[in-house]
């Protein structure tokens, strides 16, 4: 069955070219010139992946990303001609899965598309479906139900945040390197920046920690990676 891709970009020539090449690569493609039309198409077509330009007329790409994630968990690759790091951080914080800067070679974009689709919940190897529940201190995670709670407080997590927290909790008290986290959560095919882990960790801390600026459970081990600490040792 063909995977369904939604392309939202106001450049008509780029839309035609990308749609043609993606269809040649075996995908079904729908396209829109504005964020508003793209959001309407997303409701109608239930795409497996969205390619979303940041610079759009009317509603811009970041506002569209917020809208797409308000009631959907669609994988999104941001497309932009901007090279400022701030755009990348904003896109990742809002839930974008990847980021490609224009101009790009189609084969490079295709590699990103394949990598994101492989690691998406609708991909060939869904994550977490046969993994056991975990209780680590006050944290409880049930991957089958895709639910997580901390000290009896429900955590509203994106699919990537859920996978990241589950991966850390499975090795509670142990440090996992940034590279290993990327391989386990984003997949070995991931070709984005390691910064994606930092951004998602910061977002997780805002949802789990009492004081995100002084985390007690989601800890950074400088120069190595991260760990989930159920309880900090007393008198330290």
Protein backbone atom coordinates (compact mmCIF):
# COMPACT_ATOMS: atom_id res chain seq x y z
CA UNK A 1 0.00 0.00 0.00
CA UNK A 2 1.37 3.41 -0.99
CA UNK A 3 2.30 5.79 1.83
CA UNK A 4 0.44 9.09 1.67
CA UNK A 5 2.45 12.34 1.74
CA UNK A 6 1.02 15.85 2.10
CA UNK A 7 3.18 18.65 0.66
CA UNK A 8 2.43 22.22 1.80
CA UNK A 9 4.47 24.85 -0.05
CA UNK A 10 3.55 28.07 -1.84
CA UNK A 11 6.13 27.53 -4.63
CA UNK A 12 4.05 26.05 -7.47
CA UNK A 13 7.08 24.83 -9.43
CA UNK A 14 8.55 23.12 -6.38
CA UNK A 15 5.19 21.50 -5.57
CA UNK A 16 4.88 20.06 -9.08
CA UNK A 17 8.48 18.86 -9.15
CA UNK A 18 8.40 17.27 -5.69
CA UNK A 19 4.98 15.70 -6.24
CA UNK A 20 6.16 14.15 -9.53
CA UNK A 21 9.40 12.80 -8.07
CA UNK A 22 7.75 11.47 -4.93
CA UNK A 23 5.09 9.72 -7.00
CA UNK A 24 7.85 8.23 -9.16
CA UNK A 25 9.43 6.98 -5.92
CA UNK A 26 6.21 5.15 -5.06
CA UNK A 27 4.31 7.57 -2.83
CA UNK A 28 0.83 9.02 -3.09
CA UNK A 29 1.05 12.82 -2.91
CA UNK A 30 -1.43 15.58 -2.12
CA UNK A 31 -0.30 19.21 -2.21
CA UNK A 32 -1.48 22.60 -1.04
CA UNK A 33 -0.20 26.16 -1.51
CA UNK A 34 -1.34 27.48 1.88
CA UNK A 35 -1.34 26.23 5.46
CA UNK A 36 -5.10 26.61 5.64
CA UNK A 37 -5.64 24.39 2.57
CA UNK A 38 -3.04 21.93 3.82
CA UNK A 39 -4.74 21.54 7.20
CA UNK A 40 -8.06 20.91 5.46
CA UNK A 41 -6.39 18.27 3.26
CA UNK A 42 -4.82 16.64 6.32
CA UNK A 43 -8.31 16.22 7.78
CA UNK A 44 -9.58 14.65 4.55
CA UNK A 45 -6.65 12.47 3.48
CA UNK A 46 -4.99 11.35 6.77
CA UNK A 47 -1.41 11.57 5.42
CA UNK A 48 1.42 9.41 6.76
CA UNK A 49 3.85 12.35 6.53
CA UNK A 50 3.67 16.11 5.99
CA UNK A 51 6.33 18.14 4.17
CA UNK A 52 5.75 21.66 5.47
CA UNK A 53 7.34 24.93 4.37
CA UNK A 54 7.94 27.54 7.07
CA UNK A 55 7.53 30.58 4.78
CA UNK A 56 3.87 30.43 3.78
CA UNK A 57 1.40 33.21 2.96
CA UNK A 58 -1.17 33.84 5.67
CA UNK A 59 -0.66 31.25 8.41
CA UNK A 60 3.06 30.38 8.47
CA UNK A 61 4.54 26.92 8.77
CA UNK A 62 5.17 27.04 12.52
CA UNK A 63 1.55 28.02 13.21
CA UNK A 64 0.46 25.26 10.84
CA UNK A 65 2.64 22.80 12.76
CA UNK A 66 0.94 23.82 16.01
CA UNK A 67 -2.43 23.26 14.36
CA UNK A 68 -1.48 19.89 12.87
CA UNK A 69 -0.30 18.68 16.27
CA UNK A 70 -3.30 20.03 18.18
CA UNK A 71 -5.33 16.89 17.49
CA UNK A 72 -3.05 14.74 15.31
CA UNK A 73 0.31 13.03 15.74
CA UNK A 74 1.48 13.39 12.15
CA UNK A 75 5.20 13.09 11.34
CA UNK A 76 6.36 16.43 9.89
CA UNK A 77 9.49 17.41 7.97
CA UNK A 78 9.99 21.19 7.89
CA UNK A 79 11.17 22.74 4.61
CA UNK A 80 12.73 26.19 4.76
CA UNK A 81 15.12 28.60 3.08
CA UNK A 82 15.98 30.12 6.47
CA UNK A 83 19.27 29.01 7.96
CA UNK A 84 18.86 30.49 11.40
CA UNK A 85 19.18 27.94 14.17
CA UNK A 86 16.17 29.44 15.96
CA UNK A 87 13.81 28.14 13.28
CA UNK A 88 15.15 24.63 13.71
CA UNK A 89 14.77 24.73 17.49
CA UNK A 90 11.24 26.12 17.23
CA UNK A 91 10.25 23.50 14.69
CA UNK A 92 11.60 20.65 16.80
CA UNK A 93 10.05 22.01 20.00
CA UNK A 94 6.66 22.15 18.30
CA UNK A 95 6.96 18.53 17.28
CA UNK A 96 8.63 18.49 13.86
CA UNK A 97 10.44 15.21 13.23
CA UNK A 98 13.08 16.55 10.87
CA UNK A 99 14.29 19.65 9.07
CA UNK A 100 15.59 20.16 5.51
CA UNK A 101 17.05 23.45 4.27
CA UNK A 102 16.39 24.70 0.74
CA UNK A 103 17.79 24.32 -1.81
CA UNK A 104 18.11 20.55 -1.44
CA UNK A 105 18.82 17.61 -3.70
CA UNK A 106 15.74 15.41 -4.14
CA UNK A 107 17.67 12.27 -3.15
CA UNK A 108 18.61 13.95 0.14
CA UNK A 109 14.97 14.81 0.84
CA UNK A 110 13.93 11.29 -0.13
CA UNK A 111 16.38 9.86 2.40
CA UNK A 112 14.80 12.03 5.11
CA UNK A 113 11.30 10.96 4.03
CA UNK A 114 12.18 7.26 4.17
CA UNK A 115 13.89 7.62 7.55
CA UNK A 116 10.96 9.45 9.16
CA UNK A 117 8.40 7.00 7.74
CA UNK A 118 10.42 4.02 8.98
CA UNK A 119 10.43 5.30 12.54
CA UNK A 120 6.86 6.63 12.58
CA UNK A 121 4.17 4.71 14.48
CA UNK A 122 2.54 3.82 11.16
CA UNK A 123 5.82 2.51 9.71
CA UNK A 124 6.87 -1.04 9.00
CA UNK A 125 8.11 -1.58 12.56
CA UNK A 126 5.77 0.07 15.07
CA UNK A 127 7.50 0.84 18.35
CA UNK A 128 6.35 -0.23 21.76
CA UNK A 129 3.53 -2.61 20.70
CA UNK A 130 5.06 -5.66 22.40
CA UNK A 131 7.10 -3.90 25.10
CA UNK A 132 6.27 -4.54 28.77
CA UNK A 133 4.94 -1.85 31.16
CA UNK A 134 7.46 -0.10 33.39
CA UNK A 135 7.24 1.25 36.93
CA UNK A 136 10.30 3.25 37.96
CA UNK A 137 9.81 5.18 41.16
CA UNK A 138 6.81 7.44 40.63
CA UNK A 139 6.84 6.89 36.87
CA UNK A 140 4.47 4.40 35.28
CA UNK A 141 4.48 3.67 31.53
CA UNK A 142 2.20 1.30 29.62
CA UNK A 143 3.37 1.09 25.98
CA UNK A 144 0.41 -1.06 24.89
CA UNK A 145 -2.05 1.62 26.03
CA UNK A 146 0.46 4.36 25.13
CA UNK A 147 -0.05 6.05 28.51
CA UNK A 148 2.39 7.48 31.03
CA UNK A 149 1.90 8.97 34.48
CA UNK A 150 4.21 10.44 37.08
CA UNK A 151 3.18 10.41 40.74
CA UNK A 152 -0.39 9.66 39.65
CA UNK A 153 -0.38 12.62 37.25
CA UNK A 154 -1.15 11.81 33.61
CA UNK A 155 1.57 12.96 31.17
CA UNK A 156 0.38 14.23 27.81
CA UNK A 157 3.27 13.23 25.52
CA UNK A 158 3.89 13.29 21.79
CA UNK A 159 4.84 9.91 20.24
CA UNK A 160 8.52 10.88 20.19
CA UNK A 161 8.47 12.13 23.79
CA UNK A 162 6.78 8.90 24.85
CA UNK A 163 9.40 6.75 23.13
CA UNK A 164 12.23 8.82 24.61
CA UNK A 165 10.87 8.61 28.16
CA UNK A 166 10.19 4.88 27.81
CA UNK A 167 13.73 4.27 26.55
CA UNK A 168 15.25 6.16 29.47
CA UNK A 169 12.96 4.50 32.03
CA UNK A 170 13.85 1.01 30.76
CA UNK A 171 17.43 1.75 31.83
CA UNK A 172 16.56 3.76 34.96
CA UNK A 173 19.66 4.95 36.80
CA UNK A 174 21.91 4.21 33.81
CA UNK A 175 23.40 6.74 31.42
CA UNK A 176 22.44 6.38 27.75
CA UNK A 177 24.59 8.20 25.22
CA UNK A 178 23.02 10.75 22.90
CA UNK A 179 23.97 8.62 19.91
CA UNK A 180 22.37 5.54 21.44
CA UNK A 181 19.17 7.48 22.21
CA UNK A 182 18.98 8.64 18.60
CA UNK A 183 19.42 5.07 17.36
CA UNK A 184 16.78 3.68 19.73
CA UNK A 185 14.18 6.45 19.47
CA UNK A 186 14.67 8.10 16.08
CA UNK A 187 16.20 5.08 14.35
CA UNK A 188 19.61 4.28 12.89
CA UNK A 189 18.52 5.97 9.64
CA UNK A 190 18.13 9.36 11.33
CA UNK A 191 20.14 11.98 9.44
CA UNK A 192 19.20 15.12 11.39
CA UNK A 193 21.09 16.90 14.16
CA UNK A 194 21.81 15.49 17.67
CA UNK A 195 20.22 18.69 18.99
CA UNK A 196 16.87 16.94 18.54
CA UNK A 197 17.53 14.95 21.74
CA UNK A 198 18.28 18.09 23.77
CA UNK A 199 15.10 19.77 22.56
CA UNK A 200 12.88 16.80 23.37
CA UNK A 201 14.53 16.35 26.77
CA UNK A 202 13.81 19.98 27.58
CA UNK A 203 10.20 19.49 26.59
CA UNK A 204 9.92 16.31 28.68
CA UNK A 205 11.31 18.13 31.72
CA UNK A 206 8.63 20.80 31.39
CA UNK A 207 5.99 18.08 31.61
CA UNK A 208 7.54 15.88 34.30
CA UNK A 209 9.85 17.91 36.54
CA UNK A 210 8.68 20.15 39.38
CA UNK A 211 11.35 22.66 38.31
CA UNK A 212 12.49 22.01 34.70
CA UNK A 213 15.56 24.21 35.27
CA UNK A 214 16.66 22.01 38.19
CA UNK A 215 15.70 18.50 37.07
CA UNK A 216 15.76 15.71 39.63
CA UNK A 217 14.78 12.81 37.38
CA UNK A 218 15.67 13.58 33.74
CA UNK A 219 19.37 14.24 34.16
CA UNK A 220 22.09 15.37 31.78
CA UNK A 221 25.46 13.65 32.13
CA UNK A 222 27.77 16.14 30.44
CA UNK A 223 29.76 14.84 27.54
CA UNK A 224 27.96 11.49 27.58
CA UNK A 225 24.18 11.61 27.42
CA UNK A 226 21.12 11.38 29.66
CA UNK A 227 19.52 9.18 32.30
CA UNK A 228 16.26 8.79 34.16
CA UNK A 229 16.83 8.84 37.92
CA UNK A 230 13.79 7.52 39.86
CA UNK A 231 14.99 9.16 43.08
CA UNK A 232 18.07 11.22 43.80
CA UNK A 233 20.22 9.75 46.61
CA UNK A 234 19.61 11.50 49.93
CA UNK A 235 22.28 13.58 51.66
CA UNK A 236 24.13 14.25 48.40
